[in-house]
Every structure is written in C-alpha cells, then in structure tokens.
Full PDB file with SEQRES, HELIX, SHEET, SSBOND, CRYST1, ORIGX, SCALE, CONECT and MASTER records, all heavy atoms in Angstrom:
SEQRES   1 A   35  ALA LEU VAL LEU SER ASP SER HIS GLY ASN PRO ARG VAL          
SEQRES   2 A   35  MET GLN ALA ILE ILE SER ALA PHE GLY ASP ASP CYS ASP          
SEQRES   3 A   35  CYS LEU CYS PHE CYS GLY ASP GLY LEU                          
HELIX    1 AA1 PRO A   11  PHE A   21  1                                  11    
HELIX    2 AA2 GLY A   22  ASP A   24  5                                   3    
SHEET    1 AA1 2 LEU A   2  LEU A   4  0                                        
SHEET    2 AA1 2 LEU A  28  PHE A  30  1                                        
CRYST1    1.000    1.000    1.000  90.00  90.00  90.00 P 1           1          
ORIGX1      1.000000  0.000000  0.000000        0.00000                         
ORIGX2      0.000000  1.000000  0.000000        0.00000                         
ORIGX3      0.000000  0.000000  1.000000        0.00000                         
SCALE1      1.000000  0.000000  0.000000        0.00000                         
SCALE2      0.000000  1.000000  0.000000        0.00000                         
SCALE3      0.000000  0.000000  1.000000        0.00000                         
ATOM      1  N   ALA A   1      -8.990  92.448  28.413  1.00  0.00           N  
ATOM      2  CA  ALA A   1      -8.212  92.369  27.171  1.00  0.00           C  
ATOM      3  C   ALA A   1      -8.658  91.162  26.361  1.00  0.00           C  
ATOM      4  O   ALA A   1      -8.723  90.039  26.878  1.00  0.00           O  
ATOM      5  CB  ALA A   1      -6.723  92.274  27.481  1.00  0.00           C  
ATOM      6  N   LEU A   2      -8.960  91.400  25.087  1.00  0.00           N  
ATOM      7  CA  LEU A   2      -9.260  90.329  24.146  1.00  0.00           C  
ATOM      8  C   LEU A   2      -7.928  89.867  23.564  1.00  0.00           C  
ATOM      9  O   LEU A   2      -7.251  90.629  22.870  1.00  0.00           O  
ATOM     10  CB  LEU A   2     -10.183  90.858  23.053  1.00  0.00           C  
ATOM     11  CG  LEU A   2     -10.627  89.889  21.948  1.00  0.00           C  
ATOM     12  CD1 LEU A   2     -11.323  88.666  22.522  1.00  0.00           C  
ATOM     13  CD2 LEU A   2     -11.517  90.609  20.950  1.00  0.00           C  
ATOM     14  N   VAL A   3      -7.521  88.643  23.873  1.00  0.00           N  
ATOM     15  CA  VAL A   3      -6.177  88.161  23.545  1.00  0.00           C  
ATOM     16  C   VAL A   3      -6.268  87.054  22.491  1.00  0.00           C  
ATOM     17  O   VAL A   3      -6.906  86.013  22.715  1.00  0.00           O  
ATOM     18  CB  VAL A   3      -5.447  87.651  24.797  1.00  0.00           C  
ATOM     19  CG1 VAL A   3      -3.991  87.322  24.461  1.00  0.00           C  
ATOM     20  CG2 VAL A   3      -5.503  88.699  25.917  1.00  0.00           C  
ATOM     21  N   LEU A   4      -5.623  87.304  21.354  1.00  0.00           N  
ATOM     22  CA  LEU A   4      -5.629  86.377  20.222  1.00  0.00           C  
ATOM     23  C   LEU A   4      -4.202  86.074  19.801  1.00  0.00           C  
ATOM     24  O   LEU A   4      -3.283  86.859  20.043  1.00  0.00           O  
ATOM     25  CB  LEU A   4      -6.363  86.984  19.022  1.00  0.00           C  
ATOM     26  CG  LEU A   4      -7.746  87.610  19.230  1.00  0.00           C  
ATOM     27  CD1 LEU A   4      -8.223  88.245  17.936  1.00  0.00           C  
ATOM     28  CD2 LEU A   4      -8.730  86.556  19.694  1.00  0.00           C  
ATOM     29  N   SER A   5      -4.045  84.953  19.104  1.00  0.00           N  
ATOM     30  CA  SER A   5      -2.727  84.621  18.577  1.00  0.00           C  
ATOM     31  C   SER A   5      -2.861  83.645  17.423  1.00  0.00           C  
ATOM     32  O   SER A   5      -3.875  82.937  17.291  1.00  0.00           O  
ATOM     33  CB  SER A   5      -1.849  84.008  19.674  1.00  0.00           C  
ATOM     34  OG  SER A   5      -0.501  83.911  19.249  1.00  0.00           O  
ATOM     35  N   ASP A   6      -1.853  83.631  16.581  1.00  0.00           N  
ATOM     36  CA  ASP A   6      -1.657  82.591  15.563  1.00  0.00           C  
ATOM     37  C   ASP A   6      -2.892  82.371  14.693  1.00  0.00           C  
ATOM     38  O   ASP A   6      -3.397  81.253  14.574  1.00  0.00           O  
ATOM     39  CB  ASP A   6      -1.222  81.291  16.245  1.00  0.00           C  
ATOM     40  CG  ASP A   6       0.133  81.419  16.923  1.00  0.00           C  
ATOM     41  OD1 ASP A   6       1.153  81.318  16.221  1.00  0.00           O  
ATOM     42  OD2 ASP A   6       0.170  81.655  18.143  1.00  0.00           O  
ATOM     43  N   SER A   7      -3.330  83.433  14.034  1.00  0.00           N  
ATOM     44  CA  SER A   7      -4.456  83.319  13.101  1.00  0.00           C  
ATOM     45  C   SER A   7      -4.016  82.800  11.737  1.00  0.00           C  
ATOM     46  O   SER A   7      -4.831  82.263  10.984  1.00  0.00           O  
ATOM     47  CB  SER A   7      -5.152  84.674  12.939  1.00  0.00           C  
ATOM     48  OG  SER A   7      -4.233  85.669  12.542  1.00  0.00           O  
ATOM     49  N   HIS A   8      -2.755  82.975  11.390  1.00  0.00           N  
ATOM     50  CA  HIS A   8      -2.134  82.333  10.220  1.00  0.00           C  
ATOM     51  C   HIS A   8      -2.967  82.439   8.939  1.00  0.00           C  
ATOM     52  O   HIS A   8      -3.301  81.434   8.311  1.00  0.00           O  
ATOM     53  CB  HIS A   8      -1.815  80.870  10.525  1.00  0.00           C  
ATOM     54  CG  HIS A   8      -0.622  80.687  11.417  1.00  0.00           C  
ATOM     55  ND1 HIS A   8       0.675  80.779  10.952  1.00  0.00           N  
ATOM     56  CD2 HIS A   8      -0.542  80.460  12.749  1.00  0.00           C  
ATOM     57  CE1 HIS A   8       1.513  80.591  11.962  1.00  0.00           C  
ATOM     58  NE2 HIS A   8       0.798  80.396  13.069  1.00  0.00           N  
ATOM     59  N   GLY A   9      -3.311  83.664   8.565  1.00  0.00           N  
ATOM     60  CA  GLY A   9      -3.982  83.859   7.289  1.00  0.00           C  
ATOM     61  C   GLY A   9      -5.484  83.690   7.323  1.00  0.00           C  
ATOM     62  O   GLY A   9      -6.108  83.506   6.268  1.00  0.00           O  
ATOM     63  N   ASN A  10      -6.074  83.779   8.493  1.00  0.00           N  
ATOM     64  CA  ASN A  10      -7.531  83.647   8.626  1.00  0.00           C  
ATOM     65  C   ASN A  10      -8.108  84.908   9.277  1.00  0.00           C  
ATOM     66  O   ASN A  10      -8.467  84.891  10.458  1.00  0.00           O  
ATOM     67  CB  ASN A  10      -7.893  82.408   9.444  1.00  0.00           C  
ATOM     68  CG  ASN A  10      -9.368  82.064   9.361  1.00  0.00           C  
ATOM     69  OD1 ASN A  10     -10.199  82.928   9.093  1.00  0.00           O  
ATOM     70  ND2 ASN A  10      -9.709  80.812   9.601  1.00  0.00           N  
ATOM     71  N   PRO A  11      -8.207  85.990   8.503  1.00  0.00           N  
ATOM     72  CA  PRO A  11      -8.771  87.213   9.087  1.00  0.00           C  
ATOM     73  C   PRO A  11     -10.248  87.072   9.432  1.00  0.00           C  
ATOM     74  O   PRO A  11     -10.756  87.781  10.307  1.00  0.00           O  
ATOM     75  CB  PRO A  11      -8.559  88.257   7.991  1.00  0.00           C  
ATOM     76  CG  PRO A  11      -8.493  87.466   6.719  1.00  0.00           C  
ATOM     77  CD  PRO A  11      -7.824  86.179   7.088  1.00  0.00           C  
ATOM     78  N   ARG A  12     -10.936  86.138   8.761  1.00  0.00           N  
ATOM     79  CA  ARG A  12     -12.377  86.000   8.986  1.00  0.00           C  
ATOM     80  C   ARG A  12     -12.681  85.579  10.425  1.00  0.00           C  
ATOM     81  O   ARG A  12     -13.613  86.105  11.056  1.00  0.00           O  
ATOM     82  CB  ARG A  12     -12.966  84.995   7.998  1.00  0.00           C  
ATOM     83  CG  ARG A  12     -14.479  84.875   8.095  1.00  0.00           C  
ATOM     84  CD  ARG A  12     -15.064  84.095   6.916  1.00  0.00           C  
ATOM     85  NE  ARG A  12     -16.466  83.829   7.128  1.00  0.00           N  
ATOM     86  CZ  ARG A  12     -16.951  82.690   7.610  1.00  0.00           C  
ATOM     87  NH1 ARG A  12     -16.126  81.698   7.897  1.00  0.00           N  
ATOM     88  NH2 ARG A  12     -18.255  82.522   7.784  1.00  0.00           N  
ATOM     89  N   VAL A  13     -11.913  84.628  10.958  1.00  0.00           N  
ATOM     90  CA  VAL A  13     -12.175  84.206  12.330  1.00  0.00           C  
ATOM     91  C   VAL A  13     -11.823  85.319  13.304  1.00  0.00           C  
ATOM     92  O   VAL A  13     -12.527  85.547  14.301  1.00  0.00           O  
ATOM     93  CB  VAL A  13     -11.433  82.898  12.675  1.00  0.00           C  
ATOM     94  CG1 VAL A  13      -9.915  83.096  12.707  1.00  0.00           C  
ATOM     95  CG2 VAL A  13     -11.918  82.353  14.009  1.00  0.00           C  
ATOM     96  N   MET A  14     -10.756  86.055  13.033  1.00  0.00           N  
ATOM     97  CA  MET A  14     -10.387  87.174  13.886  1.00  0.00           C  
ATOM     98  C   MET A  14     -11.514  88.214  13.922  1.00  0.00           C  
ATOM     99  O   MET A  14     -11.898  88.714  14.991  1.00  0.00           O  
ATOM    100  CB  MET A  14      -9.087  87.819  13.384  1.00  0.00           C  
ATOM    101  CG  MET A  14      -8.640  89.021  14.202  1.00  0.00           C  
ATOM    102  SD  MET A  14      -7.125  89.779  13.581  1.00  0.00           S  
ATOM    103  CE  MET A  14      -5.913  88.523  13.998  1.00  0.00           C  
ATOM    104  N   GLN A  15     -12.059  88.514  12.761  1.00  0.00           N  
ATOM    105  CA  GLN A  15     -13.115  89.522  12.693  1.00  0.00           C  
ATOM    106  C   GLN A  15     -14.407  89.040  13.337  1.00  0.00           C  
ATOM    107  O   GLN A  15     -15.143  89.832  13.936  1.00  0.00           O  
ATOM    108  CB  GLN A  15     -13.322  89.919  11.237  1.00  0.00           C  
ATOM    109  CG  GLN A  15     -12.156  90.718  10.682  1.00  0.00           C  
ATOM    110  CD  GLN A  15     -12.033  90.674   9.172  1.00  0.00           C  
ATOM    111  OE1 GLN A  15     -12.987  90.347   8.470  1.00  0.00           O  
ATOM    112  NE2 GLN A  15     -10.842  91.001   8.656  1.00  0.00           N  
ATOM    113  N   ALA A  16     -14.663  87.748  13.256  1.00  0.00           N  
ATOM    114  CA  ALA A  16     -15.845  87.204  13.925  1.00  0.00           C  
ATOM    115  C   ALA A  16     -15.714  87.308  15.440  1.00  0.00           C  
ATOM    116  O   ALA A  16     -16.678  87.639  16.148  1.00  0.00           O  
ATOM    117  CB  ALA A  16     -16.058  85.745  13.507  1.00  0.00           C  
ATOM    118  N   ILE A  17     -14.531  87.038  15.963  1.00  0.00           N  
ATOM    119  CA  ILE A  17     -14.283  87.156  17.403  1.00  0.00           C  
ATOM    120  C   ILE A  17     -14.438  88.601  17.847  1.00  0.00           C  
ATOM    121  O   ILE A  17     -15.082  88.898  18.870  1.00  0.00           O  
ATOM    122  CB  ILE A  17     -12.880  86.631  17.749  1.00  0.00           C  
ATOM    123  CG1 ILE A  17     -12.799  85.128  17.493  1.00  0.00           C  
ATOM    124  CG2 ILE A  17     -12.525  86.939  19.204  1.00  0.00           C  
ATOM    125  CD1 ILE A  17     -11.388  84.573  17.504  1.00  0.00           C  
ATOM    126  N   ILE A  18     -13.842  89.511  17.089  1.00  0.00           N  
ATOM    127  CA  ILE A  18     -13.929  90.936  17.436  1.00  0.00           C  
ATOM    128  C   ILE A  18     -15.382  91.406  17.415  1.00  0.00           C  
ATOM    129  O   ILE A  18     -15.829  92.128  18.318  1.00  0.00           O  
ATOM    130  CB  ILE A  18     -13.063  91.765  16.477  1.00  0.00           C  
ATOM    131  CG1 ILE A  18     -11.579  91.466  16.707  1.00  0.00           C  
ATOM    132  CG2 ILE A  18     -13.336  93.262  16.650  1.00  0.00           C  
ATOM    133  CD1 ILE A  18     -10.657  92.001  15.630  1.00  0.00           C  
ATOM    134  N   SER A  19     -16.145  90.988  16.411  1.00  0.00           N  
ATOM    135  CA  SER A  19     -17.546  91.399  16.305  1.00  0.00           C  
ATOM    136  C   SER A  19     -18.363  90.898  17.490  1.00  0.00           C  
ATOM    137  O   SER A  19     -19.286  91.573  17.951  1.00  0.00           O  
ATOM    138  CB  SER A  19     -18.152  90.889  14.998  1.00  0.00           C  
ATOM    139  OG  SER A  19     -17.540  91.504  13.886  1.00  0.00           O  
ATOM    140  N   ALA A  20     -18.015  89.709  17.995  1.00  0.00           N  
ATOM    141  CA  ALA A  20     -18.788  89.103  19.078  1.00  0.00           C  
ATOM    142  C   ALA A  20     -18.374  89.594  20.463  1.00  0.00           C  
ATOM    143  O   ALA A  20     -19.217  89.680  21.370  1.00  0.00           O  
ATOM    144  CB  ALA A  20     -18.670  87.592  19.007  1.00  0.00           C  
ATOM    145  N   PHE A  21     -17.089  89.935  20.646  1.00  0.00           N  
ATOM    146  CA  PHE A  21     -16.587  90.212  21.994  1.00  0.00           C  
ATOM    147  C   PHE A  21     -15.919  91.570  22.162  1.00  0.00           C  
ATOM    148  O   PHE A  21     -15.657  91.982  23.290  1.00  0.00           O  
ATOM    149  CB  PHE A  21     -15.586  89.115  22.411  1.00  0.00           C  
ATOM    150  CG  PHE A  21     -16.202  87.760  22.561  1.00  0.00           C  
ATOM    151  CD1 PHE A  21     -16.275  86.893  21.485  1.00  0.00           C  
ATOM    152  CD2 PHE A  21     -16.722  87.350  23.775  1.00  0.00           C  
ATOM    153  CE1 PHE A  21     -16.844  85.630  21.614  1.00  0.00           C  
ATOM    154  CE2 PHE A  21     -17.286  86.088  23.927  1.00  0.00           C  
ATOM    155  CZ  PHE A  21     -17.359  85.232  22.842  1.00  0.00           C  
ATOM    156  N   GLY A  22     -15.616  92.237  21.059  1.00  0.00           N  
ATOM    157  CA  GLY A  22     -14.855  93.481  21.153  1.00  0.00           C  
ATOM    158  C   GLY A  22     -15.547  94.590  21.922  1.00  0.00           C  
ATOM    159  O   GLY A  22     -14.891  95.393  22.592  1.00  0.00           O  
ATOM    160  N   ASP A  23     -16.876  94.637  21.853  1.00  0.00           N  
ATOM    161  CA  ASP A  23     -17.615  95.698  22.541  1.00  0.00           C  
ATOM    162  C   ASP A  23     -17.335  95.728  24.036  1.00  0.00           C  
ATOM    163  O   ASP A  23     -17.368  96.786  24.667  1.00  0.00           O  
ATOM    164  CB  ASP A  23     -19.128  95.509  22.347  1.00  0.00           C  
ATOM    165  CG  ASP A  23     -19.582  95.872  20.944  1.00  0.00           C  
ATOM    166  OD1 ASP A  23     -18.780  96.459  20.208  1.00  0.00           O  
ATOM    167  OD2 ASP A  23     -20.725  95.567  20.600  1.00  0.00           O  
ATOM    168  N   ASP A  24     -17.097  94.547  24.603  1.00  0.00           N  
ATOM    169  CA  ASP A  24     -16.984  94.433  26.052  1.00  0.00           C  
ATOM    170  C   ASP A  24     -15.534  94.462  26.526  1.00  0.00           C  
ATOM    171  O   ASP A  24     -15.271  94.221  27.703  1.00  0.00           O  
ATOM    172  CB  ASP A  24     -17.649  93.128  26.510  1.00  0.00           C  
ATOM    173  CG  ASP A  24     -17.915  93.092  28.003  1.00  0.00           C  
ATOM    174  OD1 ASP A  24     -18.297  94.135  28.554  1.00  0.00           O  
ATOM    175  OD2 ASP A  24     -17.736  92.022  28.613  1.00  0.00           O  
ATOM    176  N   CYS A  25     -14.593  94.743  25.613  1.00  0.00           N  
ATOM    177  CA  CYS A  25     -13.177  94.717  25.968  1.00  0.00           C  
ATOM    178  C   CYS A  25     -12.545  96.086  25.796  1.00  0.00           C  
ATOM    179  O   CYS A  25     -12.946  96.873  24.943  1.00  0.00           O  
ATOM    180  CB  CYS A  25     -12.433  93.688  25.122  1.00  0.00           C  
ATOM    181  SG  CYS A  25     -12.939  91.980  25.476  1.00  0.00           S  
ATOM    182  N   ASP A  26     -11.536  96.339  26.618  1.00  0.00           N  
ATOM    183  CA  ASP A  26     -10.844  97.634  26.590  1.00  0.00           C  
ATOM    184  C   ASP A  26      -9.727  97.673  25.570  1.00  0.00           C  
ATOM    185  O   ASP A  26      -9.313  98.744  25.134  1.00  0.00           O  
ATOM    186  CB  ASP A  26     -10.270  97.943  27.978  1.00  0.00           C  
ATOM    187  CG  ASP A  26     -11.338  98.012  29.046  1.00  0.00           C  
ATOM    188  OD1 ASP A  26     -12.116  98.980  29.029  1.00  0.00           O  
ATOM    189  OD2 ASP A  26     -11.400  97.090  29.886  1.00  0.00           O  
ATOM    190  N   CYS A  27      -9.202  96.504  25.219  1.00  0.00           N  
ATOM    191  CA  CYS A  27      -8.097  96.472  24.264  1.00  0.00           C  
ATOM    192  C   CYS A  27      -8.032  95.100  23.605  1.00  0.00           C  
ATOM    193  O   CYS A  27      -8.576  94.108  24.119  1.00  0.00           O  
ATOM    194  CB  CYS A  27      -6.756  96.803  24.943  1.00  0.00           C  
ATOM    195  SG  CYS A  27      -6.279  95.660  26.262  1.00  0.00           S  
ATOM    196  N   LEU A  28      -7.380  95.081  22.458  1.00  0.00           N  
ATOM    197  CA  LEU A  28      -7.073  93.843  21.752  1.00  0.00           C  
ATOM    198  C   LEU A  28      -5.574  93.613  21.832  1.00  0.00           C  
ATOM    199  O   LEU A  28      -4.789  94.530  21.563  1.00  0.00           O  
ATOM    200  CB  LEU A  28      -7.510  93.940  20.286  1.00  0.00           C  
ATOM    201  CG  LEU A  28      -7.072  92.804  19.358  1.00  0.00           C  
ATOM    202  CD1 LEU A  28      -7.793  91.518  19.724  1.00  0.00           C  
ATOM    203  CD2 LEU A  28      -7.342  93.158  17.902  1.00  0.00           C  
ATOM    204  N   CYS A  29      -5.170  92.404  22.205  1.00  0.00           N  
ATOM    205  CA  CYS A  29      -3.757  92.051  22.252  1.00  0.00           C  
ATOM    206  C   CYS A  29      -3.532  90.866  21.321  1.00  0.00           C  
ATOM    207  O   CYS A  29      -4.186  89.824  21.466  1.00  0.00           O  
ATOM    208  CB  CYS A  29      -3.331  91.687  23.670  1.00  0.00           C  
ATOM    209  SG  CYS A  29      -3.471  93.047  24.852  1.00  0.00           S  
ATOM    210  N   PHE A  30      -2.614  91.021  20.384  1.00  0.00           N  
ATOM    211  CA  PHE A  30      -2.322  89.966  19.417  1.00  0.00           C  
ATOM    212  C   PHE A  30      -0.892  89.499  19.617  1.00  0.00           C  
ATOM    213  O   PHE A  30       0.053  90.290  19.555  1.00  0.00           O  
ATOM    214  CB  PHE A  30      -2.520  90.474  17.991  1.00  0.00           C  
ATOM    215  CG  PHE A  30      -2.321  89.410  16.949  1.00  0.00           C  
ATOM    216  CD1 PHE A  30      -3.184  88.330  16.880  1.00  0.00           C  
ATOM    217  CD2 PHE A  30      -1.262  89.473  16.056  1.00  0.00           C  
ATOM    218  CE1 PHE A  30      -2.996  87.322  15.925  1.00  0.00           C  
ATOM    219  CE2 PHE A  30      -1.069  88.484  15.102  1.00  0.00           C  
ATOM    220  CZ  PHE A  30      -1.947  87.404  15.044  1.00  0.00           C  
ATOM    221  N   CYS A  31      -0.730  88.179  19.834  1.00  0.00           N  
ATOM    222  CA  CYS A  31       0.572  87.621  20.187  1.00  0.00           C  
ATOM    223  C   CYS A  31       1.362  87.083  18.992  1.00  0.00           C  
ATOM    224  O   CYS A  31       2.279  86.286  19.169  1.00  0.00           O  
ATOM    225  CB  CYS A  31       0.387  86.518  21.224  1.00  0.00           C  
ATOM    226  SG  CYS A  31      -0.306  87.083  22.796  1.00  0.00           S  
ATOM    227  N   GLY A  32       1.018  87.523  17.792  1.00  0.00           N  
ATOM    228  CA  GLY A  32       1.861  87.246  16.640  1.00  0.00           C  
ATOM    229  C   GLY A  32       1.428  86.073  15.776  1.00  0.00           C  
ATOM    230  O   GLY A  32       0.582  85.263  16.138  1.00  0.00           O  
ATOM    231  N   ASP A  33       2.039  86.002  14.591  1.00  0.00           N  
ATOM    232  CA  ASP A  33       1.769  85.033  13.526  1.00  0.00           C  
ATOM    233  C   ASP A  33       0.337  85.177  13.002  1.00  0.00           C  
ATOM    234  O   ASP A  33      -0.561  84.402  13.338  1.00  0.00           O  
ATOM    235  CB  ASP A  33       2.061  83.605  13.986  1.00  0.00           C  
ATOM    236  CG  ASP A  33       3.505  83.210  13.682  1.00  0.00           C  
ATOM    237  OD1 ASP A  33       4.266  84.054  13.182  1.00  0.00           O  
ATOM    238  OD2 ASP A  33       3.877  82.047  13.946  1.00  0.00           O  
ATOM    239  N   GLY A  34       0.219  86.168  12.153  1.00  0.00           N  
ATOM    240  CA  GLY A  34      -1.068  86.528  11.558  1.00  0.00           C  
ATOM    241  C   GLY A  34      -1.190  88.037  11.494  1.00  0.00           C  
ATOM    242  O   GLY A  34      -2.290  88.584  11.504  1.00  0.00           O  
ATOM    243  N   LEU A  35      -0.037  88.686  11.413  1.00  0.00           N  
ATOM    244  CA  LEU A  35      -0.011  90.152  11.424  1.00  0.00           C  
ATOM    245  C   LEU A  35      -0.894  90.743  10.328  1.00  0.00           C  
ATOM    246  O   LEU A  35      -1.613  91.721  10.557  1.00  0.00           O  
ATOM    247  CB  LEU A  35       1.428  90.650  11.268  1.00  0.00           C  
ATOM    248  CG  LEU A  35       1.608  92.159  11.159  1.00  0.00           C  
ATOM    249  CD1 LEU A  35       1.200  92.846  12.454  1.00  0.00           C  
ATOM    250  CD2 LEU A  35       3.049  92.504  10.800  1.00  0.00           C  
TER     251      LEU A  35                                                      
MASTER        0    0    0    2    2    0    0    6  250    1    0    3          
END                                                                             
C-alpha cells in the first residue's frame, strides 16, 4: 500500500510520488487533509 497524508494543496508532490511508486503498489491509501 502506498500511504500518503496531509498534502494540503500540493497535488504536484502527490502525483510525483504516484508516478514513481504507484506501479509497484496494489492500492493507494490517503489519510486525509488534501482531499
């Protein structure tokens, strides 16, 4: 599981993480604040 939290208005960093690591993960889990 790729687990992220508290991006607070920064979709760019979230998308960079997903682009780099998402291929190797079964799911994304977001723990809030940055919906």
